[in-house]
Amino acid sequence: MTQFDARNLSMVTDLYQMTMANGYFADGRQDDWATFDVFFRKNPDGAAFSVFAGLEQVLDFLEGMHFDERDVAYLRSLGLFDERFLAWLGTFEFRGCVRAMPEGTVVYPNEPILSVHAPLIDAQLAETAILAQVNHQSLVATKAQRIVRAAAGRAVSDFGARRAHNVDAAVYGARAAYIGGVEGTATVLAGQTFGLPVGGTMAHSWVMCFESEYLAFRRFAELYPDNAVLLVDTYDVLESGVPNAIRVAKKVLEPRGARLAGVRIDSGDLARLSKETRVLLDAAGLEDCRIVASNSLDEFTIRSIVEQGGCIDAFGVGERLITAKSNPVFGAVYKLVAVNEDAACRPKIKVSETFDKITNPGRKRVWRVNDARGRAVADLLTLADERPDREGARFSCVDPRKPWERVSLAGCAVRELQRTVMEQGRRVDPSPALEDVRGYLMRQLAEEVAPEEQRFENPQNHPLLMSRAYHAMKMGMLKDACGLR
């Protein structure tokens, strides 16, 4: 077993989580319960919304949390922890409850996408790993759906493993990209682990290893006659690559009753080259041969190629997808919002001189508000015991950006976004199929999310409303914190 295989991911925690846990234990608070919310403050790339991904890995982590003898020995070596706490860690299992939005949900800033209600130590020790999974996969899924939308119905595949930040980022990034709408991945381990469609063509090295480009193409077509996609830019796309691909199609594949599946262009002016390639292929009777493009693509370059009339059937997107290069930080945070004290659940608020860092306190519910057409027009925070779906049009809300205005839900329908996914440290329901998660996102984009919110530039804002009772509670806590009453 290698060191990599022997990792205990429960140790993916910041040291201060351990020192705080030791402090809570020393104060006899190992059975005090608290609630933490996971939320983010700003969408990547100036977008109006993001995509929630990574929940399955969060639940996997929580179900498997433990600290073995080697872990405890290492922690003991740091000289920071009480022996009673270390002995307790040796018997640790996560005991909490998790409420979360389904994976693939379209999400907006400052609303809880995942909430952990657990003993204080349990919740604290889980923070770093939860954020690592949510931040990474939500970032890549969000980038992927932007790229897929820019492709306007053309296929998109993940080609990013070799540019990912490490092997885990490649594998889980491929999973997130699939949720975001890509058709498949070139990463074999992601295909094996998550059942993703896998695909690929060839590298320039294959072409360069033969005496000529034609011989390289011929041998590849002989090996893979039913799915031959030839890389045509090793030397010259139009003067060499495409003519040799056509030659192989005619002399090698068609005599076998096969067709050339595609050609791939990995450099140069993709819009121009693809149009000229299409002319050559069609003139040779290869109208069904697909043109695949790669080379540092993102939603903006793809949109430009499409607008220029590029004749590209599929895009292979690598580094700018798997690293979300244009905005590589999702920024989800994990904040304490309530603590059980004296048999009561008391809301907690973080106050900051930076307005955006003031938290939304307390255990709460988050709802999606849809108009009569089914379009999502706002999200809504309420107290944990409020039910706007029962009160309907009579339910009165506040837009915290404009608290002087009265907002009504007249003519709207609401649905609760979070559901209980874990109780007493164990999953409540079986894991959904990844295809269903992906399909859920696609339905939201097609049916619920307004086109104005899907613009890449200056998208329409999606309001986060508050019930009057919730808004009054938050304002009261702010006044108390600032000594104003």
Protein backbone atom coordinates (compact mmCIF):
# COMPACT_ATOMS: atom_id res chain seq x y z
CA MET A 1 0.00 0.00 0.00
CA THR A 2 1.36 3.41 -0.94
CA GLN A 3 1.24 6.48 1.24
CA PHE A 4 -1.38 7.88 -1.16
CA ASP A 5 -3.63 4.83 -0.74
CA ALA A 6 -3.26 4.92 3.03
CA ARG A 7 -4.51 8.48 3.47
CA ASN A 8 -7.22 9.10 6.04
CA LEU A 9 -9.14 12.05 4.68
CA SER A 10 -10.53 12.76 8.14
CA MET A 11 -7.17 14.42 8.75
CA VAL A 12 -7.95 16.98 6.03
CA THR A 13 -8.67 19.62 8.63
CA ASP A 14 -6.98 22.84 9.63
CA LEU A 15 -4.98 22.72 12.82
CA TYR A 16 -7.18 25.34 14.45
CA GLN A 17 -10.17 23.02 14.04
CA MET A 18 -8.27 20.53 16.20
CA THR A 19 -7.20 23.09 18.78
CA MET A 20 -10.76 24.43 19.04
CA ALA A 21 -12.12 20.89 19.35
CA ASN A 22 -9.62 20.20 22.13
CA GLY A 23 -10.79 23.40 23.84
CA TYR A 24 -14.45 22.48 23.58
CA PHE A 25 -13.64 19.05 25.01
CA ALA A 26 -11.68 20.58 27.88
CA ASP A 27 -14.73 22.72 28.69
CA GLY A 28 -17.04 19.69 28.63
CA ARG A 29 -18.84 20.79 25.48
CA GLN A 30 -18.38 17.67 23.37
CA ASP A 31 -22.15 17.09 23.42
CA ASP A 32 -23.26 20.69 22.83
CA TRP A 33 -24.96 21.06 19.46
CA ALA A 34 -24.57 23.83 16.90
CA THR A 35 -25.56 24.69 13.34
CA PHE A 36 -23.19 25.83 10.58
CA ASP A 37 -24.24 27.07 7.13
CA VAL A 38 -22.25 26.68 3.93
CA PHE A 39 -22.81 29.59 1.55
CA PHE A 40 -20.88 31.78 -0.87
CA ARG A 41 -20.84 35.55 -1.26
CA LYS A 42 -20.17 36.12 -4.96
CA ASN A 43 -20.68 34.21 -8.20
CA PRO A 44 -17.59 33.48 -10.32
CA ASP A 45 -17.05 35.43 -13.55
CA GLY A 46 -19.63 38.10 -12.71
CA ALA A 47 -22.44 35.60 -13.31
CA ALA A 48 -25.93 35.74 -11.80
CA PHE A 49 -25.87 32.19 -10.41
CA SER A 50 -23.71 29.15 -9.71
CA VAL A 51 -24.15 25.36 -9.64
CA PHE A 52 -23.98 23.35 -6.42
CA ALA A 53 -21.85 20.20 -6.68
CA GLY A 54 -19.83 17.98 -4.35
CA LEU A 55 -22.59 16.87 -1.95
CA GLU A 56 -22.00 13.15 -2.50
CA GLN A 57 -18.35 13.46 -1.53
CA VAL A 58 -19.32 15.48 1.56
CA LEU A 59 -21.63 12.68 2.67
CA ASP A 60 -18.99 10.04 1.90
CA PHE A 61 -16.54 11.97 4.05
CA LEU A 62 -18.90 12.41 6.98
CA GLU A 63 -19.94 8.74 7.01
CA GLY A 64 -16.30 7.68 7.06
CA MET A 65 -14.91 10.18 9.58
CA HIS A 66 -12.62 8.53 12.10
CA PHE A 67 -9.14 8.86 13.60
CA ASP A 68 -7.01 5.73 13.78
CA GLU A 69 -3.98 4.97 15.94
CA ARG A 70 -1.56 6.50 13.44
CA ASP A 71 -3.59 9.73 13.31
CA VAL A 72 -3.80 9.99 17.09
CA ALA A 73 -0.07 9.30 17.40
CA TYR A 74 0.71 12.11 14.99
CA LEU A 75 -1.56 14.53 16.84
CA ARG A 76 0.07 13.51 20.12
CA SER A 77 3.48 14.31 18.63
CA LEU A 78 2.44 17.95 18.18
CA GLY A 79 2.31 18.40 21.94
CA LEU A 80 -0.92 20.43 21.79
CA PHE A 81 -3.67 18.12 22.92
CA ASP A 82 -5.00 16.66 26.15
CA GLU A 83 -4.70 12.86 26.40
CA ARG A 84 -8.39 12.52 27.25
CA PHE A 85 -9.25 14.36 24.04
CA LEU A 86 -6.91 12.14 22.01
CA ALA A 87 -8.49 9.02 23.52
CA TRP A 88 -11.94 10.38 22.65
CA LEU A 89 -10.83 11.04 19.07
CA GLY A 90 -9.91 7.37 18.78
CA THR A 91 -13.61 6.51 19.17
CA PHE A 92 -14.94 9.41 17.05
CA GLU A 93 -17.80 9.07 14.58
CA PHE A 94 -19.78 11.92 13.06
CA ARG A 95 -23.15 12.14 14.82
CA GLY A 96 -24.83 15.02 13.07
CA CYS A 97 -27.60 15.93 10.67
CA VAL A 98 -27.12 17.54 7.25
CA ARG A 99 -29.69 19.47 5.28
CA ALA A 100 -28.72 20.42 1.75
CA MET A 101 -29.97 21.45 -1.63
CA PRO A 102 -29.82 18.64 -4.19
CA GLU A 103 -26.65 18.49 -6.24
CA GLY A 104 -27.11 20.30 -9.50
CA THR A 105 -29.24 23.04 -7.96
CA VAL A 106 -28.85 26.53 -9.39
CA VAL A 107 -27.73 28.56 -6.38
CA TYR A 108 -27.26 32.21 -5.47
CA PRO A 109 -25.05 34.15 -3.05
CA ASN A 110 -25.69 34.35 0.69
CA GLU A 111 -28.17 31.49 0.92
CA PRO A 112 -27.37 28.24 2.76
CA ILE A 113 -26.70 25.54 0.20
CA LEU A 114 -25.77 23.08 2.93
CA SER A 115 -26.34 23.18 6.71
CA VAL A 116 -24.71 20.99 9.34
CA HIS A 117 -26.50 20.52 12.67
CA ALA A 118 -24.26 18.44 14.90
CA PRO A 119 -22.34 18.33 18.15
CA LEU A 120 -20.05 21.35 18.12
CA ILE A 121 -16.83 19.34 17.87
CA ASP A 122 -18.19 17.14 15.07
CA ALA A 123 -19.27 20.15 13.04
CA GLN A 124 -15.99 21.95 13.62
CA LEU A 125 -13.78 19.03 12.58
CA ALA A 126 -15.73 18.56 9.32
CA GLU A 127 -15.40 22.17 8.13
CA THR A 128 -12.28 22.05 5.96
CA ALA A 129 -13.13 18.89 4.05
CA ILE A 130 -16.71 20.03 3.43
CA LEU A 131 -15.51 23.33 2.02
CA ALA A 132 -12.80 21.68 -0.09
CA GLN A 133 -15.37 19.45 -1.82
CA VAL A 134 -18.05 22.10 -2.26
CA ASN A 135 -15.68 24.84 -3.40
CA HIS A 136 -13.88 22.73 -5.98
CA GLN A 137 -16.78 20.87 -7.56
CA SER A 138 -19.19 23.84 -7.48
CA LEU A 139 -16.55 25.97 -9.18
CA VAL A 140 -15.92 23.46 -11.98
CA ALA A 141 -19.62 22.64 -12.46
CA THR A 142 -20.38 26.36 -12.71
CA LYS A 143 -17.65 26.88 -15.29
CA ALA A 144 -18.74 23.82 -17.23
CA GLN A 145 -22.35 24.97 -17.57
CA ARG A 146 -21.15 28.33 -18.91
CA ILE A 147 -18.98 26.60 -21.50
CA VAL A 148 -21.78 24.24 -22.49
CA ARG A 149 -24.21 27.14 -22.92
CA ALA A 150 -21.69 28.98 -25.08
CA ALA A 151 -21.38 25.91 -27.33
CA ALA A 152 -25.08 26.31 -28.20
CA GLY A 153 -25.90 22.63 -28.62
CA ARG A 154 -22.49 21.46 -29.81
CA ALA A 155 -20.88 18.71 -27.77
CA VAL A 156 -18.33 19.59 -25.08
CA SER A 157 -15.90 17.13 -23.49
CA ASP A 158 -13.51 17.47 -20.56
CA PHE A 159 -9.88 17.28 -21.72
CA GLY A 160 -8.39 18.83 -18.58
CA ALA A 161 -6.72 16.16 -16.44
CA ARG A 162 -3.11 16.98 -17.31
CA ARG A 163 -3.64 20.63 -16.40
CA ALA A 164 -5.59 19.97 -13.19
CA HIS A 165 -4.00 20.93 -9.90
CA ASN A 166 -3.51 17.26 -8.97
CA VAL A 167 -4.96 13.84 -9.71
CA ASP A 168 -7.88 14.24 -7.28
CA ALA A 169 -8.73 17.56 -8.91
CA ALA A 170 -8.72 15.85 -12.31
CA VAL A 171 -11.04 13.04 -11.25
CA TYR A 172 -13.51 15.04 -9.16
CA GLY A 173 -13.28 17.91 -11.62
CA ALA A 174 -14.44 15.56 -14.38
CA ARG A 175 -17.39 14.56 -12.20
CA ALA A 176 -18.32 18.19 -11.61
CA ALA A 177 -17.92 19.05 -15.29
CA TYR A 178 -20.34 16.25 -16.18
CA ILE A 179 -22.89 17.68 -13.75
CA GLY A 180 -22.34 21.02 -15.47
CA GLY A 181 -23.32 19.51 -18.82
CA VAL A 182 -20.25 18.17 -20.63
CA GLU A 183 -20.87 14.95 -22.52
CA GLY A 184 -17.87 13.03 -21.24
CA THR A 185 -14.25 13.07 -20.18
CA ALA A 186 -10.87 11.91 -21.38
CA THR A 187 -9.92 10.90 -17.81
CA VAL A 188 -10.13 7.12 -17.54
CA LEU A 189 -10.24 6.97 -13.72
CA ALA A 190 -13.19 9.38 -13.69
CA GLY A 191 -14.97 7.14 -16.17
CA GLN A 192 -14.27 4.08 -14.04
CA THR A 193 -15.17 5.73 -10.73
CA PHE A 194 -18.32 7.59 -11.72
CA GLY A 195 -19.50 5.78 -14.84
CA LEU A 196 -18.83 8.79 -17.07
CA PRO A 197 -18.60 8.40 -20.85
CA VAL A 198 -14.92 8.44 -21.84
CA GLY A 199 -13.43 9.39 -25.16
CA GLY A 200 -10.35 10.70 -26.90
CA THR A 201 -8.45 10.83 -30.14
CA MET A 202 -4.66 10.78 -30.43
CA ALA A 203 -1.70 12.98 -29.49
CA HIS A 204 0.77 14.72 -31.77
CA SER A 205 3.34 12.21 -30.54
CA TRP A 206 1.47 9.39 -32.33
CA VAL A 207 1.75 11.24 -35.64
CA MET A 208 5.40 12.12 -35.06
CA CYS A 209 6.34 8.50 -34.27
CA PHE A 210 5.62 7.41 -37.84
CA GLU A 211 7.58 8.10 -41.01
CA SER A 212 4.73 10.18 -42.35
CA GLU A 213 1.46 11.70 -41.26
CA TYR A 214 -0.42 9.48 -43.69
CA LEU A 215 1.08 6.29 -42.23
CA ALA A 216 0.19 7.45 -38.71
CA PHE A 217 -3.41 8.11 -39.74
CA ARG A 218 -3.65 4.84 -41.66
CA ARG A 219 -2.45 2.73 -38.75
CA PHE A 220 -4.80 4.46 -36.31
CA ALA A 221 -7.75 3.90 -38.66
CA GLU A 222 -6.81 0.23 -39.01
CA LEU A 223 -6.82 -0.17 -35.23
CA TYR A 224 -10.01 1.82 -34.60
CA PRO A 225 -12.06 1.73 -37.80
CA ASP A 226 -15.36 2.39 -36.06
CA ASN A 227 -14.26 5.52 -34.20
CA ALA A 228 -11.27 7.06 -35.95
CA VAL A 229 -10.80 10.76 -35.10
CA LEU A 230 -7.55 12.03 -36.62
CA LEU A 231 -5.48 14.94 -35.28
CA VAL A 232 -4.75 17.04 -38.35
CA ASP A 233 -2.60 19.95 -37.11
CA THR A 234 0.76 18.32 -36.37
CA TYR A 235 2.27 19.77 -39.55
CA ASP A 236 -0.26 21.76 -41.61
CA VAL A 237 -4.04 21.47 -41.26
CA LEU A 238 -5.13 22.33 -44.78
CA GLU A 239 -2.10 21.33 -46.86
CA SER A 240 -1.31 18.07 -45.12
CA GLY A 241 -3.57 17.02 -42.25
CA VAL A 242 -7.02 17.16 -43.81
CA PRO A 243 -5.91 15.80 -47.23
CA ASN A 244 -4.23 12.84 -45.51
CA ALA A 245 -7.34 12.24 -43.38
CA ILE A 246 -9.48 12.21 -46.54
CA ARG A 247 -7.02 9.81 -48.18
CA VAL A 248 -7.32 7.42 -45.21
CA ALA A 249 -11.10 7.70 -45.29
CA LYS A 250 -11.17 6.70 -48.94
CA LYS A 251 -8.40 4.08 -49.07
CA VAL A 252 -8.61 2.46 -45.64
CA LEU A 253 -12.02 2.97 -44.08
CA GLU A 254 -14.51 3.01 -46.92
CA PRO A 255 -13.27 -0.32 -48.39
CA ARG A 256 -14.07 -1.80 -44.95
CA GLY A 257 -17.53 -0.26 -44.95
CA ALA A 258 -16.48 2.27 -42.28
CA ARG A 259 -16.59 6.05 -42.18
CA LEU A 260 -14.12 8.59 -40.85
CA ALA A 261 -15.62 9.66 -37.51
CA GLY A 262 -13.87 13.00 -37.25
CA VAL A 263 -10.84 15.23 -37.42
CA ARG A 264 -9.46 17.32 -34.58
CA ILE A 265 -7.81 20.74 -34.84
CA ASP A 266 -5.71 21.74 -31.83
CA SER A 267 -4.07 25.00 -32.92
CA GLY A 268 -4.42 28.03 -35.13
CA ASP A 269 -7.45 30.10 -36.06
CA LEU A 270 -10.11 27.55 -35.20
CA ALA A 271 -12.98 29.46 -36.80
CA ARG A 272 -11.22 29.88 -40.15
CA LEU A 273 -9.58 26.46 -40.20
CA SER A 274 -12.80 24.69 -39.33
CA LYS A 275 -14.71 26.41 -42.15
CA GLU A 276 -12.06 25.54 -44.71
CA THR A 277 -11.81 22.00 -43.35
CA ARG A 278 -15.56 21.61 -43.72
CA VAL A 279 -15.35 22.60 -47.38
CA LEU A 280 -12.64 20.01 -48.05
CA LEU A 281 -14.46 17.22 -46.22
CA ASP A 282 -17.80 17.93 -47.89
CA ALA A 283 -16.19 18.04 -51.33
CA ALA A 284 -14.81 14.55 -50.62
CA GLY A 285 -18.24 13.21 -49.69
CA LEU A 286 -17.46 13.21 -45.96
CA GLU A 287 -20.37 15.39 -44.84
CA ASP A 288 -20.86 13.17 -41.78
CA CYS A 289 -17.25 13.58 -40.59
CA ARG A 290 -17.24 15.67 -37.41
CA ILE A 291 -14.81 18.49 -36.73
CA VAL A 292 -13.53 18.59 -33.16
CA ALA A 293 -11.65 21.62 -31.79
CA SER A 294 -9.43 21.99 -28.75
CA ASN A 295 -6.70 24.44 -27.61
CA SER A 296 -7.21 26.66 -24.53
CA LEU A 297 -10.94 27.06 -25.00
CA ASP A 298 -13.45 28.66 -22.64
CA GLU A 299 -16.96 30.07 -22.93
CA PHE A 300 -15.74 33.31 -24.49
CA THR A 301 -13.54 31.76 -27.19
CA ILE A 302 -16.23 29.19 -27.98
CA ARG A 303 -18.90 31.85 -28.26
CA SER A 304 -16.64 33.84 -30.58
CA ILE A 305 -16.02 30.82 -32.80
CA VAL A 306 -19.74 30.08 -32.97
CA GLU A 307 -20.57 33.70 -33.80
CA GLN A 308 -17.98 33.64 -36.60
CA GLY A 309 -19.70 30.65 -38.17
CA GLY A 310 -17.03 28.14 -37.21
CA CYS A 311 -17.91 24.68 -38.50
CA ILE A 312 -17.15 22.83 -35.28
CA ASP A 313 -19.27 19.93 -34.06
CA ALA A 314 -17.58 19.31 -30.72
CA PHE A 315 -15.21 21.07 -28.35
CA GLY A 316 -12.58 19.47 -26.13
CA VAL A 317 -11.99 21.86 -23.24
CA GLY A 318 -9.03 21.46 -20.91
CA GLU A 319 -7.19 23.83 -18.62
CA ARG A 320 -9.70 26.67 -18.59
CA LEU A 321 -12.45 24.28 -17.53
CA ILE A 322 -10.69 22.04 -15.02
CA THR A 323 -9.00 25.01 -13.27
CA ALA A 324 -11.81 27.53 -13.90
CA LYS A 325 -8.94 29.75 -15.01
CA SER A 326 -10.83 33.04 -15.36
CA ASN A 327 -12.01 32.96 -11.71
CA PRO A 328 -10.42 30.04 -9.88
CA VAL A 329 -11.91 30.64 -6.41
CA PHE A 330 -15.52 29.77 -5.56
CA GLY A 331 -15.38 31.25 -2.08
CA ALA A 332 -17.88 29.14 -0.13
CA VAL A 333 -17.59 29.64 3.63
CA TYR A 334 -18.75 27.70 6.71
CA LYS A 335 -20.20 29.90 9.41
CA LEU A 336 -21.74 29.25 12.82
CA VAL A 337 -25.38 30.39 12.77
CA ALA A 338 -26.87 28.81 15.91
CA VAL A 339 -25.87 27.15 19.20
CA ASN A 340 -28.02 25.09 21.53
CA GLU A 341 -27.92 26.79 24.94
CA ASP A 342 -30.14 26.14 27.95
CA ALA A 343 -32.33 23.76 25.94
CA ALA A 344 -32.92 26.45 23.32
CA CYS A 345 -31.46 26.96 19.86
CA ARG A 346 -30.03 30.47 19.91
CA PRO A 347 -29.15 32.24 16.65
CA LYS A 348 -25.66 33.66 16.23
CA ILE A 349 -24.50 36.41 13.89
CA LYS A 350 -21.09 37.48 12.64
CA VAL A 351 -20.84 41.26 12.35
CA SER A 352 -18.28 42.93 10.13
CA GLU A 353 -17.38 46.38 8.90
CA THR A 354 -17.59 44.80 5.45
CA PHE A 355 -21.32 44.61 4.73
CA ASP A 356 -21.07 41.44 2.61
CA LYS A 357 -19.44 39.57 5.50
CA ILE A 358 -22.37 40.02 7.90
CA THR A 359 -23.94 36.58 8.14
CA ASN A 360 -27.58 35.54 7.99
CA PRO A 361 -28.13 34.13 11.50
CA GLY A 362 -30.10 31.23 12.91
CA ARG A 363 -31.52 27.97 11.68
CA LYS A 364 -33.59 28.82 8.64
CA ARG A 365 -35.35 27.63 5.54
CA VAL A 366 -34.57 28.66 1.99
CA TRP A 367 -37.23 28.68 -0.70
CA ARG A 368 -37.33 29.25 -4.44
CA VAL A 369 -40.03 31.65 -5.64
CA ASN A 370 -41.47 30.99 -9.11
CA ASP A 371 -43.87 33.22 -11.00
CA ALA A 372 -46.96 32.03 -12.88
CA ARG A 373 -44.82 31.08 -15.92
CA GLY A 374 -42.59 28.88 -13.76
CA ARG A 375 -39.64 31.29 -13.88
CA ALA A 376 -37.59 31.63 -10.69
CA VAL A 377 -37.89 35.29 -9.74
CA ALA A 378 -36.31 35.24 -6.25
CA ASP A 379 -35.14 33.08 -3.39
CA LEU A 380 -36.49 33.51 0.13
CA LEU A 381 -35.11 33.01 3.65
CA THR A 382 -37.56 32.33 6.49
CA LEU A 383 -37.42 31.29 10.10
CA ALA A 384 -37.27 27.54 10.62
CA ASP A 385 -40.95 27.36 11.62
CA GLU A 386 -42.38 29.51 8.80
CA ARG A 387 -44.25 27.99 5.84
CA PRO A 388 -44.84 30.46 2.99
CA ASP A 389 -46.16 27.62 0.82
CA ARG A 390 -49.17 27.42 3.15
CA GLU A 391 -49.83 31.14 3.42
CA GLY A 392 -49.35 31.85 -0.30
CA ALA A 393 -50.19 35.35 -1.50
CA ARG A 394 -50.69 36.59 2.05
CA PHE A 395 -47.03 36.01 2.85
CA SER A 396 -45.17 39.30 3.14
CA CYS A 397 -41.43 39.60 2.45
CA VAL A 398 -38.59 42.10 2.60
CA ASP A 399 -35.90 42.77 0.04
CA PRO A 400 -32.96 43.57 2.38
CA ARG A 401 -31.51 45.87 -0.27
CA LYS A 402 -34.75 47.90 -0.18
CA PRO A 403 -36.32 47.21 3.23
CA TRP A 404 -38.79 50.08 2.91
CA GLU A 405 -40.66 48.26 0.14
CA ARG A 406 -43.33 45.64 0.88
CA VAL A 407 -42.96 42.50 -1.26
CA SER A 408 -45.82 40.07 -1.80
CA LEU A 409 -45.74 36.50 -3.13
CA ALA A 410 -49.07 37.04 -4.92
CA GLY A 411 -49.27 34.89 -8.04
CA CYS A 412 -46.13 32.95 -7.11
CA ALA A 413 -45.38 29.41 -6.04
CA VAL A 414 -42.61 28.46 -3.64
CA ARG A 415 -40.70 25.26 -2.99
CA GLU A 416 -38.24 24.48 -0.23
CA LEU A 417 -34.71 23.94 -1.52
CA GLN A 418 -32.98 22.18 1.36
CA ARG A 419 -33.89 18.67 2.44
CA THR A 420 -32.52 16.34 5.08
CA VAL A 421 -29.84 14.14 3.52
CA MET A 422 -28.15 12.80 6.66
CA GLU A 423 -29.33 11.95 10.17
CA GLN A 424 -27.18 10.64 13.02
CA GLY A 425 -24.20 10.50 10.70
CA ARG A 426 -25.83 8.29 8.06
CA ARG A 427 -27.39 8.99 4.68
CA VAL A 428 -31.17 9.17 4.60
CA ASP A 429 -31.63 8.14 0.95
CA PRO A 430 -29.62 6.29 -1.71
CA SER A 431 -27.34 8.42 -3.85
CA PRO A 432 -28.95 9.73 -7.05
CA ALA A 433 -27.54 8.73 -10.40
CA LEU A 434 -25.10 11.30 -11.78
CA GLU A 435 -27.16 11.43 -14.97
CA ASP A 436 -30.17 12.51 -12.89
CA VAL A 437 -28.14 15.24 -11.17
CA ARG A 438 -27.04 16.53 -14.56
CA GLY A 439 -30.58 16.35 -15.93
CA TYR A 440 -31.92 18.30 -12.94
CA LEU A 441 -29.53 21.16 -13.70
CA MET A 442 -30.44 21.16 -17.40
CA ARG A 443 -34.18 21.35 -16.58
CA GLN A 444 -33.64 24.33 -14.30
CA LEU A 445 -31.67 26.18 -16.97
CA ALA A 446 -34.31 25.43 -19.59
CA GLU A 447 -37.43 26.03 -17.53
CA GLU A 448 -36.72 28.12 -14.44
CA VAL A 449 -33.69 30.36 -14.83
CA ALA A 450 -34.60 33.49 -16.76
CA PRO A 451 -32.63 34.11 -19.98
CA GLU A 452 -31.66 37.49 -18.55
CA GLU A 453 -29.87 35.72 -15.70
CA GLN A 454 -27.99 33.52 -18.16
CA ARG A 455 -26.28 36.39 -19.96
CA PHE A 456 -22.49 36.37 -19.71
CA GLU A 457 -22.32 40.17 -19.48
CA ASN A 458 -24.38 42.22 -17.01
CA PRO A 459 -26.83 39.45 -16.09
CA GLN A 460 -30.02 40.27 -14.26
CA ASN A 461 -29.77 40.11 -10.48
CA HIS A 462 -31.68 37.38 -8.61
CA PRO A 463 -33.09 38.81 -5.36
CA LEU A 464 -32.68 37.05 -2.02
CA LEU A 465 -35.78 38.00 -0.04
CA MET A 466 -36.43 37.55 3.67
CA SER A 467 -39.66 36.97 5.50
CA ARG A 468 -40.60 39.92 7.67
CA ALA A 469 -40.08 37.82 10.79
CA TYR A 470 -36.64 36.66 9.68
CA HIS A 471 -35.57 40.17 8.66
CA ALA A 472 -36.77 41.56 12.00
CA MET A 473 -34.78 38.90 13.86
CA LYS A 474 -31.61 39.71 11.94
CA MET A 475 -32.00 43.47 12.38
CA GLY A 476 -32.65 43.00 16.08
CA MET A 477 -29.45 40.98 16.48
CA LEU A 478 -27.47 43.62 14.60
CA LYS A 479 -28.84 46.34 16.85
CA ASP A 480 -27.97 44.33 19.95
CA ALA A 481 -24.46 43.66 18.63
CA CYS A 482 -23.95 47.36 17.96
CA GLY A 483 -25.48 48.49 21.28
CA LEU A 484 -28.37 50.31 19.63
CA ARG A 485 -31.10 48.99 21.91
